[in-house]
Amino acid sequence: MSNPQLRLIYDEIGAEKIKEIVNAFYPKVYADPDLIPIFDEVEMPEIMRKQQLFLTQFTGGPALFSMEFGAPRMRFRHLPHEITPTRARAWLRCMKEAFIEVGIWDEPVGQEFYQRLMQVAAVMVNTEEA
């Protein structure tokens, strides 16, 4: 069963805007000293493709991620990586910068989307700070 608010996000921003977000986001991630240890062994094009599939599904669009990889289970998929509160904040900072770059940060749909990503980031934390 889909959440009507999530459907609204996908309906408002669409597939092209999700692609723009991903394209703006990952260069920031790969340049971030807190995040690069998680991503340095993963090819950027493949991780971008997976993120685009996930965000499409996450915002209420077609279940592209699940069709290819099964249930998202993002926390489980990220358990092999040390996701600290600092890394979660860095991930969100990169996402905010991407939202600004693609022009949705100041829109209500951008704020709703970001709030939902804040929840995801909080759930992903699996390691305390050193």
Protein backbone atom coordinates (compact mmCIF):
# COMPACT_ATOMS: atom_id res chain seq x y z
CA MET A 1 0.00 0.00 0.00
CA SER A 2 1.47 3.35 -0.97
CA ASN A 3 1.42 6.51 1.08
CA PRO A 4 -0.45 9.33 -0.72
CA GLN A 5 2.06 11.92 0.57
CA LEU A 6 4.94 9.96 -0.93
CA ARG A 7 3.07 9.72 -4.21
CA LEU A 8 2.72 13.50 -4.12
CA ILE A 9 6.50 13.92 -3.92
CA TYR A 10 7.13 11.77 -6.99
CA ASP A 11 4.20 13.32 -8.85
CA GLU A 12 5.50 16.82 -8.11
CA ILE A 13 9.18 16.34 -8.89
CA GLY A 14 9.17 13.44 -11.37
CA ALA A 15 11.84 11.12 -12.67
CA GLU A 16 13.98 13.81 -14.29
CA LYS A 17 14.30 15.83 -11.06
CA ILE A 18 15.26 12.68 -9.15
CA LYS A 19 17.98 12.08 -11.73
CA GLU A 20 19.16 15.69 -11.31
CA ILE A 21 19.29 15.25 -7.52
CA VAL A 22 21.36 12.08 -7.81
CA ASN A 23 23.69 13.72 -10.35
CA ALA A 24 24.19 16.71 -8.04
CA PHE A 25 24.47 14.61 -4.87
CA TYR A 26 27.13 12.01 -5.61
CA PRO A 27 30.01 14.31 -6.60
CA LYS A 28 29.47 15.97 -3.20
CA VAL A 29 29.48 12.59 -1.44
CA TYR A 30 32.68 11.47 -3.15
CA ALA A 31 34.34 14.79 -2.21
CA ASP A 32 33.30 14.61 1.45
CA PRO A 33 36.09 13.39 3.77
CA ASP A 34 33.57 11.89 6.22
CA LEU A 35 31.76 9.91 3.51
CA ILE A 36 34.47 8.83 1.08
CA PRO A 37 35.65 5.92 3.29
CA ILE A 38 32.23 4.33 2.77
CA PHE A 39 32.14 4.92 -0.98
CA ASP A 40 35.77 4.73 -2.08
CA GLU A 41 35.49 1.11 -3.27
CA VAL A 42 32.18 1.59 -5.09
CA GLU A 43 32.00 2.86 -8.65
CA MET A 44 30.06 6.11 -8.74
CA PRO A 45 27.92 5.30 -11.82
CA GLU A 46 26.58 2.10 -10.24
CA ILE A 47 25.82 3.67 -6.86
CA MET A 48 24.11 6.58 -8.64
CA ARG A 49 21.95 4.17 -10.63
CA LYS A 50 20.90 2.34 -7.47
CA GLN A 51 20.16 5.61 -5.67
CA GLN A 52 18.02 6.80 -8.56
CA LEU A 53 16.01 3.56 -8.43
CA PHE A 54 15.66 3.82 -4.67
CA LEU A 55 14.64 7.49 -4.61
CA THR A 56 12.09 6.87 -7.34
CA GLN A 57 10.49 4.18 -5.20
CA PHE A 58 10.98 6.10 -1.93
CA THR A 59 9.10 9.13 -3.24
CA GLY A 60 6.16 7.05 -4.43
CA GLY A 61 7.14 6.33 -8.01
CA PRO A 62 7.47 2.91 -9.61
CA ALA A 63 9.07 0.25 -7.38
CA LEU A 64 12.16 0.10 -9.58
CA PHE A 65 14.59 -0.73 -6.77
CA SER A 66 12.49 -3.63 -5.49
CA MET A 67 11.98 -5.00 -8.99
CA GLU A 68 15.74 -5.29 -9.47
CA PHE A 69 17.13 -5.86 -5.97
CA GLY A 70 14.22 -6.97 -3.78
CA ALA A 71 12.94 -5.11 -0.75
CA PRO A 72 15.04 -2.01 -0.03
CA ARG A 73 15.96 -2.95 3.59
CA MET A 74 18.37 0.00 3.52
CA ARG A 75 19.52 -0.30 7.13
CA PHE A 76 20.37 -3.96 6.59
CA ARG A 77 22.15 -3.23 3.30
CA HIS A 78 24.31 -0.60 5.00
CA LEU A 79 25.26 -2.65 8.10
CA PRO A 80 28.67 -3.56 6.66
CA HIS A 81 29.52 0.17 6.69
CA GLU A 82 30.16 2.26 9.78
CA ILE A 83 27.39 4.85 9.67
CA THR A 84 28.10 7.28 12.48
CA PRO A 85 26.03 10.33 13.45
CA THR A 86 28.74 12.46 11.79
CA ARG A 87 28.41 10.51 8.56
CA ALA A 88 24.61 10.73 8.67
CA ARG A 89 24.87 14.52 9.05
CA ALA A 90 27.40 14.72 6.21
CA TRP A 91 25.08 12.66 3.98
CA LEU A 92 22.21 15.01 4.78
CA ARG A 93 24.40 18.07 4.16
CA CYS A 94 25.30 16.74 0.71
CA MET A 95 21.64 16.05 0.02
CA LYS A 96 20.65 19.57 1.10
CA GLU A 97 23.31 21.02 -1.21
CA ALA A 98 21.98 18.87 -4.05
CA PHE A 99 18.41 20.04 -3.35
CA ILE A 100 19.61 23.66 -3.45
CA GLU A 101 21.53 23.02 -6.68
CA VAL A 102 18.51 21.53 -8.48
CA GLY A 103 16.14 24.18 -7.15
CA ILE A 104 13.80 22.27 -4.84
CA TRP A 105 15.18 23.25 -1.42
CA ASP A 106 12.88 26.28 -1.06
CA GLU A 107 9.80 24.44 -2.30
CA PRO A 108 7.36 22.67 0.06
CA VAL A 109 7.93 19.38 -1.77
CA GLY A 110 11.67 19.74 -1.23
CA GLN A 111 11.18 20.29 2.47
CA GLU A 112 8.87 17.28 2.75
CA PHE A 113 11.33 15.12 0.84
CA TYR A 114 14.23 16.28 3.01
CA GLN A 115 12.28 15.63 6.22
CA ARG A 116 11.72 12.05 5.10
CA LEU A 117 15.42 11.68 4.29
CA MET A 118 16.27 12.95 7.76
CA GLN A 119 14.27 10.03 9.15
CA VAL A 120 16.15 7.62 6.89
CA ALA A 121 19.51 9.04 7.96
CA ALA A 122 18.63 8.64 11.63
CA VAL A 123 17.67 4.98 11.12
CA MET A 124 20.87 4.26 9.20
CA VAL A 125 23.19 5.14 12.11
CA ASN A 126 24.73 1.86 13.28
CA THR A 127 28.00 2.97 14.91
CA GLU A 128 28.75 5.41 17.71
CA GLU A 129 31.40 8.07 17.21
CA ALA A 130 34.97 6.95 18.00
